[in-house]
Amino acid sequence: MRRFFMLTASNLLLGVGLLGICGLAAFFGGQPFISSAHPATSPAFVRVIHASPDVGTADVFVDGAKLLSSFAFGAVTGYAAVPPGPHKVQIALVGKGIGGSVITQTLDVNPGYAYTVAAIGTQQSGLSLEVFVDNNLLSPGTAKLRVYQLSPDAGSVSVAAGGTTLLNGIGYQNASNYLTVAKGGYTFQVTSPGNNATLSASTMLNANTIASLFVIGMFNGTPKSALVTSQAPGLPGVPNTGSDPNPIVQVDVARSLAPWSWPLGLASLLFIGSGVFVRRVTGKR
């Protein structure tokens, strides 16, 4: 009889302890931790580059309102904050109005993310918007470089600087990985093997910036191929709080430090330990 009561007490202790642990697991694991870096109310950050050889100077409309006027080929904007969600983007030649749009596309953007939206293509291949997700997390003390291949007839290109090849095989409508480079002056050479031609551009890269090199235009046609450079600060300018599309998930501190969570956890472990102890004592007897 004594053994029966001790086993019953052991089971009760174990049951209560496991119930407490399950409750904590349900509370903390039932919903994901919220990243305070990019809450759902954060804006998205969008910039636009005009890289379509067959679209002249244009006006850009977003959700029916004019965003850019007289947007010339090769121009690139800074990042603008826009509400997250779907947005209708239309591009029309200057003076044609929104009804004369040659490109109409709906883009969906997420809070805290940065995007490069490129107007690309030709009348023959089709005009469209190409969307790139950017990683504007800074590399402190250095610059980050990314190359965008937006020239329709360049084929796959390679990129070099100072006689050293930095990147290879960047195809049309693609962007390279990011390179971390020291601040300073650079002359970049972009080579199109299919055209047996090389483009050059010199620029000064500053520390704590995101640098972009765009390959645009036609190697065999007009407007002629060219390199466009651009630099932007991280958004808003410090690591882990910018527009990094792969943010470090941060714990919801208020939830993790709930005043009852630690006592419940300790009590649950005490019950489980007591149950195990009673069961061992009973087994010895």
Protein backbone atom coordinates (compact mmCIF):
# COMPACT_ATOMS: atom_id res chain seq x y z
CA MET A 1 0.00 0.00 0.00
CA ARG A 2 2.82 2.38 0.89
CA ARG A 3 4.52 1.64 -2.47
CA PHE A 4 1.22 2.37 -4.27
CA PHE A 5 0.85 5.79 -2.62
CA MET A 6 4.46 6.71 -3.30
CA LEU A 7 4.11 5.81 -6.99
CA THR A 8 0.88 7.79 -7.18
CA ALA A 9 2.59 10.81 -5.59
CA SER A 10 5.48 10.46 -8.04
CA ASN A 11 3.11 10.41 -11.01
CA LEU A 12 1.27 13.46 -9.71
CA LEU A 13 4.49 15.41 -9.24
CA LEU A 14 5.72 14.48 -12.71
CA GLY A 15 2.34 15.31 -14.24
CA VAL A 16 2.14 18.76 -12.63
CA GLY A 17 5.73 19.55 -13.63
CA LEU A 18 5.23 18.45 -17.24
CA LEU A 19 1.99 20.42 -17.42
CA GLY A 20 3.83 23.57 -16.38
CA ILE A 21 6.58 22.98 -18.95
CA CYS A 22 3.98 22.40 -21.69
CA GLY A 23 2.26 25.64 -20.72
CA LEU A 24 5.49 27.58 -21.06
CA ALA A 25 6.24 25.90 -24.39
CA ALA A 26 2.80 26.80 -25.70
CA PHE A 27 3.18 30.42 -24.59
CA PHE A 28 6.62 30.94 -26.11
CA GLY A 29 6.32 28.62 -29.10
CA GLY A 30 2.71 29.16 -30.11
CA GLN A 31 3.57 32.27 -32.11
CA PRO A 32 6.85 33.50 -33.58
CA PHE A 33 8.91 36.10 -31.83
CA ILE A 34 8.44 39.51 -33.41
CA SER A 35 11.51 41.17 -34.87
CA SER A 36 11.59 44.70 -33.54
CA ALA A 37 13.89 45.62 -36.44
CA HIS A 38 11.09 45.34 -39.00
CA PRO A 39 7.60 45.52 -37.43
CA ALA A 40 4.65 45.20 -39.78
CA THR A 41 4.13 48.98 -39.68
CA SER A 42 7.62 49.74 -41.06
CA PRO A 43 7.74 51.17 -44.59
CA ALA A 44 9.47 49.53 -47.52
CA PHE A 45 12.26 51.39 -49.34
CA VAL A 46 12.16 51.59 -53.13
CA ARG A 47 14.37 53.20 -55.74
CA VAL A 48 13.88 53.23 -59.51
CA ILE A 49 16.33 53.13 -62.43
CA HIS A 50 15.40 53.83 -66.04
CA ALA A 51 17.23 51.16 -68.06
CA SER A 52 14.87 50.54 -71.00
CA PRO A 53 16.54 51.66 -74.26
CA ASP A 54 13.19 51.90 -76.07
CA VAL A 55 11.51 54.15 -73.53
CA GLY A 56 12.51 57.78 -73.77
CA THR A 57 12.21 60.36 -71.02
CA ALA A 58 9.22 59.25 -68.98
CA ASP A 59 6.88 60.00 -66.12
CA VAL A 60 6.41 57.40 -63.39
CA PHE A 61 3.07 56.93 -61.63
CA VAL A 62 2.47 54.92 -58.46
CA ASP A 63 -1.09 54.07 -57.47
CA GLY A 64 -2.36 56.69 -59.90
CA ALA A 65 -0.23 59.56 -58.60
CA LYS A 66 2.82 60.95 -60.40
CA LEU A 67 5.98 59.97 -58.55
CA LEU A 68 8.65 61.11 -61.02
CA SER A 69 8.60 63.65 -63.85
CA SER A 70 10.89 63.71 -66.89
CA PHE A 71 12.71 60.57 -65.77
CA ALA A 72 15.59 60.22 -68.24
CA PHE A 73 17.28 57.05 -69.46
CA GLY A 74 20.08 56.07 -67.07
CA ALA A 75 18.67 58.04 -64.14
CA VAL A 76 18.46 56.35 -60.76
CA THR A 77 16.59 57.70 -57.76
CA GLY A 78 17.42 57.48 -54.09
CA TYR A 79 15.41 55.17 -51.86
CA ALA A 80 11.94 56.42 -51.02
CA ALA A 81 9.81 55.09 -48.17
CA VAL A 82 6.53 53.56 -49.34
CA PRO A 83 3.81 51.73 -47.40
CA PRO A 84 4.11 47.94 -47.50
CA GLY A 85 1.73 46.03 -49.72
CA PRO A 86 0.81 46.02 -53.43
CA HIS A 87 1.38 49.13 -55.56
CA LYS A 88 0.47 49.74 -59.19
CA VAL A 89 3.41 51.23 -61.09
CA GLN A 90 2.96 52.80 -64.53
CA ILE A 91 5.53 54.40 -66.83
CA ALA A 92 4.51 56.68 -69.68
CA LEU A 93 6.40 58.93 -72.07
CA VAL A 94 6.52 62.55 -70.97
CA GLY A 95 3.28 64.33 -71.81
CA LYS A 96 1.34 61.15 -72.64
CA GLY A 97 -0.26 60.94 -69.21
CA ILE A 98 -1.11 57.84 -67.24
CA GLY A 99 -3.41 56.64 -70.01
CA GLY A 100 -0.42 56.33 -72.34
CA SER A 101 1.58 54.04 -70.07
CA VAL A 102 3.93 51.67 -71.86
CA ILE A 103 4.64 49.68 -68.69
CA THR A 104 2.00 48.76 -66.11
CA GLN A 105 2.83 46.36 -63.32
CA THR A 106 1.74 45.71 -59.74
CA LEU A 107 4.57 45.28 -57.25
CA ASP A 108 4.20 43.90 -53.73
CA VAL A 109 6.70 45.20 -51.16
CA ASN A 110 7.35 44.05 -47.60
CA PRO A 111 7.97 46.20 -44.51
CA GLY A 112 11.62 46.95 -43.79
CA TYR A 113 12.88 45.64 -47.14
CA ALA A 114 14.75 47.63 -49.78
CA TYR A 115 14.10 47.21 -53.49
CA THR A 116 15.61 48.34 -56.76
CA VAL A 117 12.96 48.54 -59.48
CA ALA A 118 14.41 48.67 -63.00
CA ALA A 119 12.47 49.60 -66.12
CA ILE A 120 14.01 47.27 -68.69
CA GLY A 121 13.49 45.63 -72.06
CA THR A 122 12.93 46.65 -75.65
CA GLN A 123 9.87 46.85 -77.88
CA GLN A 124 10.98 43.60 -79.50
CA SER A 125 11.59 41.65 -76.29
CA GLY A 126 8.90 43.35 -74.24
CA LEU A 127 8.99 46.13 -71.67
CA SER A 128 8.72 45.35 -67.98
CA LEU A 129 9.82 46.14 -64.45
CA GLU A 130 12.51 43.96 -62.90
CA VAL A 131 12.53 43.95 -59.11
CA PHE A 132 15.65 43.25 -57.04
CA VAL A 133 15.64 42.77 -53.27
CA ASP A 134 18.56 44.73 -51.87
CA ASN A 135 20.55 44.07 -48.71
CA ASN A 136 21.39 47.45 -47.25
CA LEU A 137 22.87 46.17 -44.03
CA LEU A 138 26.10 48.09 -43.63
CA SER A 139 29.58 46.65 -43.38
CA PRO A 140 31.10 49.13 -40.89
CA GLY A 141 34.16 51.00 -42.12
CA THR A 142 33.90 49.61 -45.66
CA ALA A 143 31.67 49.84 -48.73
CA LYS A 144 29.41 47.17 -50.20
CA LEU A 145 29.25 46.84 -53.99
CA ARG A 146 26.61 45.19 -56.18
CA VAL A 147 26.49 45.03 -60.00
CA TYR A 148 23.20 45.02 -61.95
CA GLN A 149 23.30 43.78 -65.57
CA LEU A 150 20.49 45.66 -67.36
CA SER A 151 21.91 45.84 -70.91
CA PRO A 152 19.77 43.72 -73.29
CA ASP A 153 22.56 42.77 -75.69
CA ALA A 154 25.55 42.58 -73.33
CA GLY A 155 25.16 38.90 -72.49
CA SER A 156 27.01 37.68 -69.40
CA VAL A 157 29.55 40.21 -68.21
CA SER A 158 32.58 40.20 -65.94
CA VAL A 159 33.73 42.99 -63.64
CA ALA A 160 37.32 43.92 -62.79
CA ALA A 161 39.12 46.68 -60.93
CA GLY A 162 42.84 47.40 -60.81
CA GLY A 163 43.56 44.38 -62.99
CA THR A 164 41.75 42.00 -60.62
CA THR A 165 38.57 40.21 -61.69
CA LEU A 166 35.89 40.74 -59.06
CA LEU A 167 32.84 39.08 -60.61
CA ASN A 168 32.06 36.75 -63.49
CA GLY A 169 29.03 35.57 -65.40
CA ILE A 170 26.41 38.19 -64.52
CA GLY A 171 23.61 37.66 -67.03
CA TYR A 172 20.94 40.04 -68.28
CA GLN A 173 18.27 40.98 -65.73
CA ASN A 174 20.47 39.69 -62.91
CA ALA A 175 22.43 41.25 -60.08
CA SER A 176 25.63 40.04 -58.46
CA ASN A 177 26.22 39.12 -54.86
CA TYR A 178 27.49 41.91 -52.65
CA LEU A 179 31.22 42.52 -52.40
CA THR A 180 32.75 44.19 -49.35
CA VAL A 181 35.51 46.52 -50.51
CA ALA A 182 37.75 49.08 -48.86
CA LYS A 183 36.84 52.73 -49.25
CA GLY A 184 38.77 54.65 -51.89
CA GLY A 185 38.92 55.40 -55.60
CA TYR A 186 38.18 52.63 -58.12
CA THR A 187 38.07 52.30 -61.88
CA PHE A 188 35.73 49.46 -62.76
CA GLN A 189 35.91 47.62 -66.10
CA VAL A 190 32.86 45.69 -67.24
CA THR A 191 33.59 43.34 -70.13
CA SER A 192 31.05 41.84 -72.53
CA PRO A 193 32.86 38.88 -74.13
CA GLY A 194 30.09 38.39 -76.70
CA ASN A 195 30.64 41.92 -78.00
CA ASN A 196 34.41 41.96 -77.42
CA ALA A 197 33.95 45.28 -75.64
CA THR A 198 34.75 46.80 -72.25
CA LEU A 199 33.13 49.70 -70.42
CA SER A 200 34.92 51.71 -67.73
CA ALA A 201 33.76 53.95 -64.92
CA SER A 202 35.70 55.63 -62.13
CA THR A 203 34.18 56.43 -58.78
CA MET A 204 35.07 57.09 -55.17
CA LEU A 205 33.56 54.61 -52.74
CA ASN A 206 32.91 55.95 -49.26
CA ALA A 207 32.88 53.96 -46.04
CA ASN A 208 29.53 52.85 -44.65
CA THR A 209 27.74 53.03 -48.00
CA ILE A 210 25.98 50.69 -50.40
CA ALA A 211 27.45 51.16 -53.89
CA SER A 212 25.75 50.06 -57.10
CA LEU A 213 27.12 49.64 -60.62
CA PHE A 214 24.47 49.44 -63.36
CA VAL A 215 25.23 48.18 -66.87
CA ILE A 216 22.72 49.80 -69.23
CA GLY A 217 22.20 50.64 -72.91
CA MET A 218 23.01 48.81 -76.13
CA PHE A 219 26.39 47.56 -77.31
CA ASN A 220 24.89 47.37 -80.82
CA GLY A 221 22.38 50.18 -81.03
CA THR A 222 21.20 53.26 -79.22
CA PRO A 223 21.31 54.56 -76.60
CA LYS A 224 24.88 53.40 -76.29
CA SER A 225 25.96 51.08 -73.48
CA ALA A 226 27.24 52.78 -70.36
CA LEU A 227 27.95 52.28 -66.67
CA VAL A 228 25.96 54.16 -64.04
CA THR A 229 27.21 54.32 -60.47
CA SER A 230 25.22 55.12 -57.36
CA GLN A 231 25.86 55.18 -53.62
CA ALA A 232 23.38 55.11 -50.78
CA PRO A 233 23.71 55.07 -47.01
CA GLY A 234 22.34 52.13 -45.10
CA LEU A 235 18.73 52.64 -44.11
CA PRO A 236 18.58 54.32 -41.68
CA GLY A 237 22.36 54.05 -41.48
CA VAL A 238 23.43 51.62 -38.76
CA PRO A 239 23.81 47.83 -38.77
CA ASN A 240 20.78 45.65 -38.00
CA THR A 241 18.34 48.57 -38.18
CA GLY A 242 18.33 49.25 -41.88
CA SER A 243 16.58 47.58 -44.76
CA ASP A 244 18.34 44.24 -44.50
CA PRO A 245 16.03 41.65 -46.12
CA ASN A 246 17.45 38.98 -43.81
CA PRO A 247 17.27 40.68 -40.43
CA ILE A 248 18.48 39.20 -37.19
CA VAL A 249 15.33 38.04 -35.40
CA GLN A 250 15.08 39.79 -32.07
CA VAL A 251 13.24 38.44 -29.05
CA ASP A 252 10.09 40.16 -27.86
CA VAL A 253 11.57 41.26 -24.53
CA ALA A 254 8.24 42.01 -22.86
CA ARG A 255 7.06 38.48 -23.49
CA SER A 256 10.30 36.71 -22.62
CA LEU A 257 10.50 38.52 -19.29
CA ALA A 258 6.89 37.89 -18.28
CA PRO A 259 6.98 38.08 -14.42
CA TRP A 260 5.31 34.71 -13.91
CA SER A 261 7.38 32.77 -16.46
CA TRP A 262 10.50 32.21 -14.34
CA PRO A 263 8.69 31.09 -11.13
CA LEU A 264 6.50 28.74 -13.15
CA GLY A 265 9.50 27.29 -14.91
CA LEU A 266 11.40 26.73 -11.66
CA ALA A 267 8.36 25.23 -9.93
CA SER A 268 7.77 22.87 -12.86
CA LEU A 269 11.37 21.68 -12.72
CA LEU A 270 11.05 21.22 -8.93
CA PHE A 271 7.94 19.08 -9.34
CA ILE A 272 9.61 16.95 -12.01
CA GLY A 273 12.75 16.53 -9.90
CA SER A 274 10.69 15.55 -6.84
CA GLY A 275 8.69 13.06 -8.87
CA VAL A 276 11.85 11.43 -10.20
CA PHE A 277 13.35 11.31 -6.68
CA VAL A 278 10.24 9.66 -5.17
CA ARG A 279 10.13 7.12 -8.01
CA ARG A 280 13.80 6.18 -7.45
CA VAL A 281 13.27 5.79 -3.70
CA THR A 282 10.21 3.61 -4.35
CA GLY A 283 12.18 1.48 -6.80
CA LYS A 284 14.88 0.80 -4.25
CA ARG A 285 12.32 -0.42 -1.79
